[in-house]
Amino acid sequence: PPPTPPPLAHGAASNPVGALESQLRQEGIEPSRFLRAEESLASPFGCVVRVLDGTGEALGRSGGHSKKKEAKKAAYHDALSSTRLRELLQERRAAVQTSLSTAGAAGGAVEQRHPA
C-alpha cells in the first residue's frame, strides 16, 4: 500500500496556497522557481499545479469550480497532500546532503598551510 500522507500543515485547509509556499520556503526552495499554477480562464474553473523541473508533472488539480480562487485553493490543497511532492522534496534533500558531503570531503583533503 502507498505510504500514509503526513498531516497537512497548520492552516492548510483555509490557505493551502500559503501553506504550500511556506513548506517550500522551509525547505530552502523559492516557490516561483519550483512550481506553477495554470488556471482556466472560463467557468467552470479549474487549476493545475505543476512542478518546474522540466517534466511539467502535475502535483495537484481541481476542476468544476464557480470561482477561480476556489479552483486554485483546491489544486494547491491537492498538491499539499501529493505523495509525489513528498518524493520530490525527499530527492532534493538527498541531493543537497550528497553535495554537502562531497564538498566537505573535498574541503578536508585541502592542505592547510600556516605561516611559520
Foldseek 3Di string as FASTA:
>chain_A
DDDQFDDQDVCCLVALVVSVCVVCVVLVHHVVQFWDKDWDPDPPIKIFIFTPPVPRDTQFIDTHHPDRVVRVSRRSSSNRRGPVNVVVSVVVVVVVVVVVVVVVVVVVPDDDDDDD
